[in-house]
């Protein structure tokens, strides 16, 4: 099935019946545009984040042949930028431009089973907030769960990435700062390795060591492993030159940025796993960016470079 969410506030789920795609109406009850969407692991629900400070949890109503929604209205103080389902199909993590990451219960009677509710805190009702993280002092994006659901990762617009273990009353949080441009999305390729993408146009690899400490490892898809101090002055000169319309001032910076040899020519906005199947590791993933490109990355030949964490 495919989910279509338009800025004109028309929403459909498309199902493949034989050789034909058939649309089914989705009742979202939004007065602002939808900004993000993700199917639940069991594919019986999907979550929609919006500019209306709400999250819609949609499920199929067979009697009326449409998808209806229940709204999580509380807590968010600004637009919801990303949503991510926990493997138990009940917990949902969100990020917002209010700088916070939150975890909610989405248990719906008649849709979810008691077994799936067992993975969430006891006696939680639909829309109840399980956790609020105030780690970021800027917009927050790109929240994701690890394959086991034990670790949560999301990014801030201040060039920070956050890792949270033991999600619950007493979570353990780590903040990793990096010198490059902010990230927009992340993907766990294993329990101890994350790939982040964003405004730097090159995927970045973060990994946890044997003690559980996360750090930046390297770039993927560029000639050098990390940026030097001179490159930052070049980037500043390039931005300064473009601001005043001076191409001559940015010549050196253009040469420096070209040396990265990245696949994307502009910000990367999304990263999606490909062909994971039953494997605990993601060997292939795709990225899409503002340059209009979709790139497919294969990690099969990079395991030695990525290290033992992979």
Protein backbone atom coordinates (compact mmCIF):
# COMPACT_ATOMS: atom_id res chain seq x y z
CA UNK A 1 0.00 0.00 0.00
CA UNK A 2 1.03 3.60 -0.62
CA UNK A 3 0.05 6.70 1.31
CA UNK A 4 -0.44 10.02 -0.49
CA UNK A 5 -0.51 13.26 1.47
CA UNK A 6 -0.88 16.50 -0.46
CA UNK A 7 -0.34 20.06 0.67
CA UNK A 8 -3.83 20.77 -0.70
CA UNK A 9 -5.06 18.56 2.17
CA UNK A 10 -6.18 15.60 0.06
CA UNK A 11 -5.23 12.24 1.58
CA UNK A 12 -5.45 8.74 0.10
CA UNK A 13 -4.16 5.23 0.65
CA UNK A 14 -3.52 3.40 -2.63
CA UNK A 15 -3.84 -0.41 -2.66
CA UNK A 16 -2.69 -2.67 -5.49
CA UNK A 17 -5.62 -4.85 -6.57
CA UNK A 18 -4.50 -7.07 -9.41
CA UNK A 19 -2.77 -4.76 -11.86
CA UNK A 20 -4.58 -1.61 -10.76
CA UNK A 21 -3.95 0.87 -7.95
CA UNK A 22 -7.18 1.74 -6.13
CA UNK A 23 -7.41 4.83 -3.87
CA UNK A 24 -9.15 4.83 -0.48
CA UNK A 25 -10.08 8.07 1.25
CA UNK A 26 -8.34 9.05 4.50
CA UNK A 27 -10.22 11.21 7.02
CA UNK A 28 -7.53 13.24 8.81
CA UNK A 29 -9.45 16.28 10.12
CA UNK A 30 -6.46 18.59 9.71
CA UNK A 31 -6.67 22.35 9.22
CA UNK A 32 -2.98 22.57 8.29
CA UNK A 33 -0.80 20.65 5.86
CA UNK A 34 0.59 17.20 6.62
CA UNK A 35 4.39 17.25 6.93
CA UNK A 36 5.44 13.62 7.48
CA UNK A 37 4.00 10.12 7.42
CA UNK A 38 5.11 6.60 8.36
CA UNK A 39 3.47 3.17 8.35
CA UNK A 40 3.52 1.12 11.54
CA UNK A 41 5.58 -2.12 11.57
CA UNK A 42 2.43 -4.27 11.24
CA UNK A 43 1.06 -1.96 8.51
CA UNK A 44 -2.34 -1.71 10.19
CA UNK A 45 -1.84 1.94 11.16
CA UNK A 46 0.09 4.96 9.95
CA UNK A 47 1.03 8.20 11.68
CA UNK A 48 0.84 11.67 10.14
CA UNK A 49 2.62 14.69 11.60
CA UNK A 50 1.25 18.11 10.68
CA UNK A 51 1.67 21.83 10.87
CA UNK A 52 -1.39 21.90 13.13
CA UNK A 53 0.68 20.77 16.16
CA UNK A 54 -1.09 17.40 16.05
CA UNK A 55 -0.36 13.79 15.07
CA UNK A 56 -3.02 11.68 13.35
CA UNK A 57 -3.01 7.92 13.94
CA UNK A 58 -4.94 6.38 11.05
CA UNK A 59 -6.50 2.92 10.83
CA UNK A 60 -8.85 1.20 8.39
CA UNK A 61 -12.59 1.13 9.08
CA UNK A 62 -13.99 -1.70 7.00
CA UNK A 63 -17.67 -0.81 7.50
CA UNK A 64 -17.28 2.52 5.68
CA UNK A 65 -14.31 1.55 3.47
CA UNK A 66 -12.14 4.44 4.53
CA UNK A 67 -9.24 5.23 6.83
CA UNK A 68 -10.19 7.18 9.94
CA UNK A 69 -7.90 8.91 12.41
CA UNK A 70 -7.53 9.57 16.10
CA UNK A 71 -5.65 12.73 16.99
CA UNK A 72 -2.88 13.28 19.48
CA UNK A 73 -3.62 16.93 20.21
CA UNK A 74 -1.69 17.57 23.41
CA UNK A 75 1.89 18.57 24.14
CA UNK A 76 3.21 19.70 20.75
CA UNK A 77 3.79 23.44 20.74
CA UNK A 78 4.73 23.71 17.05
CA UNK A 79 4.80 21.76 13.77
CA UNK A 80 5.56 18.03 13.93
CA UNK A 81 8.55 17.37 11.66
CA UNK A 82 8.96 13.58 11.89
CA UNK A 83 7.35 10.46 13.33
CA UNK A 84 8.82 7.00 14.04
CA UNK A 85 7.18 3.76 15.17
CA UNK A 86 8.64 1.55 17.86
CA UNK A 87 8.93 -2.13 16.81
CA UNK A 88 6.10 -2.98 19.24
CA UNK A 89 3.63 -1.14 16.94
CA UNK A 90 2.30 0.95 19.86
CA UNK A 91 4.88 3.55 20.91
CA UNK A 92 5.39 6.50 18.56
CA UNK A 93 8.25 9.01 18.72
CA UNK A 94 7.87 12.52 17.30
CA UNK A 95 10.05 15.58 16.78
CA UNK A 96 8.89 19.15 16.45
CA UNK A 97 10.08 22.65 15.66
CA UNK A 98 9.57 23.41 19.34
CA UNK A 99 12.88 21.53 19.80
CA UNK A 100 11.46 18.56 21.68
CA UNK A 101 11.28 14.83 21.06
CA UNK A 102 8.30 13.01 22.54
CA UNK A 103 7.11 9.42 22.85
CA UNK A 104 3.38 8.62 22.91
CA UNK A 105 1.19 5.55 23.27
CA UNK A 106 -1.02 4.86 20.23
CA UNK A 107 -2.87 1.80 21.54
CA UNK A 108 -6.26 1.53 19.78
CA UNK A 109 -8.77 -1.01 21.03
CA UNK A 110 -9.83 -3.35 18.26
CA UNK A 111 -6.73 -2.58 16.19
CA UNK A 112 -3.86 -3.41 18.54
CA UNK A 113 -3.63 -6.59 20.58
CA UNK A 114 -2.80 -6.92 24.26
CA UNK A 115 0.48 -8.57 23.31
CA UNK A 116 1.64 -5.44 21.49
CA UNK A 117 0.63 -3.31 24.45
CA UNK A 118 2.85 -5.40 26.70
CA UNK A 119 5.92 -3.68 25.27
CA UNK A 120 4.73 -0.26 26.46
CA UNK A 121 4.33 1.04 30.00
CA UNK A 122 1.38 -0.41 31.87
CA UNK A 123 -2.04 1.23 31.77
CA UNK A 124 -1.19 3.70 29.01
CA UNK A 125 -4.08 5.12 27.03
CA UNK A 126 -4.13 6.45 23.49
CA UNK A 127 -2.34 9.77 23.22
CA UNK A 128 -0.70 9.53 26.64
CA UNK A 129 2.82 10.96 26.66
CA UNK A 130 5.42 8.47 27.86
CA UNK A 131 8.48 10.70 27.61
CA UNK A 132 9.55 14.22 26.65
CA UNK A 133 13.17 14.99 25.76
CA UNK A 134 14.40 18.58 25.98
CA UNK A 135 17.91 17.95 24.66
CA UNK A 136 17.74 20.28 21.65
CA UNK A 137 17.65 24.07 21.83
CA UNK A 138 16.63 24.35 18.17
CA UNK A 139 14.29 22.64 15.71
CA UNK A 140 14.34 18.85 15.96
CA UNK A 141 14.11 16.42 13.01
CA UNK A 142 14.51 12.84 11.85
CA UNK A 143 13.68 10.64 14.83
CA UNK A 144 14.31 6.87 14.50
CA UNK A 145 14.31 3.74 16.70
CA UNK A 146 17.03 1.12 16.66
CA UNK A 147 16.04 -2.36 15.34
CA UNK A 148 15.48 -3.65 18.89
CA UNK A 149 13.66 -0.51 20.02
CA UNK A 150 16.12 0.00 22.88
CA UNK A 151 17.70 3.17 21.48
CA UNK A 152 16.19 6.35 20.07
CA UNK A 153 18.07 8.84 17.88
CA UNK A 154 17.10 12.26 16.54
CA UNK A 155 18.85 15.42 15.35
CA UNK A 156 18.75 19.13 16.10
CA UNK A 157 19.18 22.13 13.83
CA UNK A 158 22.25 23.15 15.85
CA UNK A 159 24.50 20.42 14.35
CA UNK A 160 23.77 17.96 17.14
CA UNK A 161 22.61 14.35 17.18
CA UNK A 162 21.03 12.80 20.26
CA UNK A 163 20.95 9.16 21.39
CA UNK A 164 18.60 7.96 24.13
CA UNK A 165 18.76 4.52 25.78
CA UNK A 166 16.26 2.95 28.18
CA UNK A 167 13.33 5.07 27.02
CA UNK A 168 11.05 5.46 30.03
CA UNK A 169 11.04 7.20 33.42
CA UNK A 170 14.87 7.26 33.66
CA UNK A 171 16.33 7.49 30.15
CA UNK A 172 20.07 7.68 29.43
CA UNK A 173 20.86 10.41 26.90
CA UNK A 174 23.97 11.35 24.93
CA UNK A 175 24.54 14.43 22.76
CA UNK A 176 27.11 14.38 19.97
CA UNK A 177 28.14 17.70 18.42
CA UNK A 178 29.83 17.92 15.03
CA UNK A 179 31.37 20.79 13.07
CA UNK A 180 29.43 20.29 9.85
CA UNK A 181 26.04 21.54 8.71
CA UNK A 182 22.91 20.24 10.50
CA UNK A 183 21.31 16.89 9.74
CA UNK A 184 17.71 16.32 8.63
CA UNK A 185 17.21 12.56 8.94
CA UNK A 186 18.85 9.47 10.42
CA UNK A 187 18.78 5.70 9.94
CA UNK A 188 19.94 2.86 12.17
CA UNK A 189 21.82 0.34 10.02
CA UNK A 190 22.56 -1.77 13.10
CA UNK A 191 22.14 -1.50 16.86
CA UNK A 192 25.41 0.42 17.21
CA UNK A 193 25.63 2.37 13.97
CA UNK A 194 23.61 5.29 12.57
CA UNK A 195 23.82 7.15 9.28
CA UNK A 196 22.76 10.79 9.27
CA UNK A 197 21.96 12.95 6.24
CA UNK A 198 21.29 16.65 5.88
CA UNK A 199 22.59 19.97 4.68
CA UNK A 200 26.19 18.79 4.25
CA UNK A 201 25.09 16.71 1.20
CA UNK A 202 27.12 13.68 2.33
CA UNK A 203 25.92 10.84 4.59
CA UNK A 204 27.66 10.81 7.98
CA UNK A 205 28.37 7.67 10.02
CA UNK A 206 28.03 7.61 13.82
CA UNK A 207 28.81 4.56 15.93
CA UNK A 208 28.83 3.43 19.56
CA UNK A 209 31.91 1.79 21.05
CA UNK A 210 31.97 -1.15 23.46
CA UNK A 211 31.12 1.14 26.37
CA UNK A 212 28.09 2.60 24.58
CA UNK A 213 29.64 6.00 23.83
CA UNK A 214 28.54 7.42 20.46
CA UNK A 215 30.84 9.44 18.18
CA UNK A 216 31.26 10.56 14.57
CA UNK A 217 33.22 8.05 12.44
CA UNK A 218 33.42 9.18 8.82
CA UNK A 219 31.60 10.36 5.72
CA UNK A 220 30.21 8.11 3.00
CA UNK A 221 30.56 9.09 -0.64
CA UNK A 222 33.35 11.66 -0.46
CA UNK A 223 37.09 11.65 -0.94
CA UNK A 224 38.15 12.66 2.56
CA UNK A 225 37.15 11.28 5.92
CA UNK A 226 36.58 14.56 7.73
CA UNK A 227 36.63 18.30 7.18
CA UNK A 228 39.71 20.33 7.95
CA UNK A 229 39.71 23.73 9.57
CA UNK A 230 40.61 25.41 6.29
CA UNK A 231 37.50 24.05 4.61
CA UNK A 232 35.31 25.93 7.08
CA UNK A 233 36.97 29.22 6.26
CA UNK A 234 36.50 28.38 2.59
CA UNK A 235 32.81 27.65 3.16
CA UNK A 236 32.45 30.98 4.95
CA UNK A 237 34.20 32.78 2.09
CA UNK A 238 31.94 31.07 -0.41
CA UNK A 239 28.80 32.09 1.48
CA UNK A 240 30.13 35.64 1.89
CA UNK A 241 30.94 35.86 -1.81
CA UNK A 242 27.55 34.56 -2.90
CA UNK A 243 25.81 37.03 -0.58
CA UNK A 244 27.44 39.92 -2.41
CA UNK A 245 27.14 38.27 -5.82
CA UNK A 246 30.90 37.99 -6.25
CA UNK A 247 31.92 34.85 -8.11
CA UNK A 248 35.60 35.67 -7.94
CA UNK A 249 35.63 35.55 -4.16
CA UNK A 250 34.14 32.04 -4.10
CA UNK A 251 36.41 30.38 -6.65
CA UNK A 252 38.65 28.78 -4.02
CA UNK A 253 35.65 27.63 -2.02
CA UNK A 254 34.07 26.00 -5.05
CA UNK A 255 37.28 24.07 -5.70
CA UNK A 256 37.36 22.97 -2.08
CA UNK A 257 33.75 21.82 -2.06
CA UNK A 258 34.23 19.94 -5.34
CA UNK A 259 37.03 17.93 -3.73
CA UNK A 260 34.45 16.21 -1.56
CA UNK A 261 33.15 14.37 -4.59
CA UNK A 262 29.68 13.85 -3.11
CA UNK A 263 26.84 12.13 -4.94
CA UNK A 264 24.32 14.83 -4.01
CA UNK A 265 24.68 18.47 -5.05
CA UNK A 266 22.31 19.85 -2.43
CA UNK A 267 20.78 19.03 0.94
CA UNK A 268 19.72 15.43 1.58
CA UNK A 269 16.23 15.38 3.06
CA UNK A 270 15.45 11.68 3.45
CA UNK A 271 17.11 8.29 4.00
CA UNK A 272 15.21 5.00 3.59
CA UNK A 273 16.37 1.37 4.13
CA UNK A 274 16.16 -1.02 1.18
CA UNK A 275 15.63 -4.78 1.18
CA UNK A 276 16.22 -5.32 4.88
CA UNK A 277 14.05 -8.45 5.14
CA UNK A 278 14.79 -10.44 8.27
CA UNK A 279 18.36 -9.21 8.61
CA UNK A 280 19.23 -7.15 11.73
CA UNK A 281 21.52 -4.99 9.57
CA UNK A 282 20.70 -2.62 6.73
CA UNK A 283 23.04 -3.32 3.82
CA UNK A 284 21.45 -0.94 1.28
CA UNK A 285 19.64 2.37 1.62
CA UNK A 286 18.47 5.23 -0.57
CA UNK A 287 18.74 8.98 -0.13
CA UNK A 288 16.84 11.81 -1.79
CA UNK A 289 17.67 15.49 -1.80
CA UNK A 290 16.80 18.98 -2.96
CA UNK A 291 18.94 18.42 -6.05
CA UNK A 292 16.20 16.12 -7.36
CA UNK A 293 18.39 13.02 -7.13
CA UNK A 294 17.65 9.63 -5.60
CA UNK A 295 20.82 7.69 -4.77
CA UNK A 296 21.15 4.04 -3.75
CA UNK A 297 24.02 3.14 -1.42
CA UNK A 298 25.48 -0.34 -0.92
CA UNK A 299 27.43 -1.02 2.29
CA UNK A 300 28.43 -4.57 1.34
CA UNK A 301 31.95 -3.52 0.33
CA UNK A 302 32.38 -1.00 3.15
CA UNK A 303 32.13 -3.26 6.20
CA UNK A 304 35.87 -3.14 6.89
CA UNK A 305 35.93 0.66 6.66
CA UNK A 306 32.90 1.03 8.92
CA UNK A 307 34.48 -1.06 11.68
CA UNK A 308 33.34 -3.64 14.19
CA UNK A 309 30.21 -1.73 15.16
CA UNK A 310 28.64 -2.65 11.83
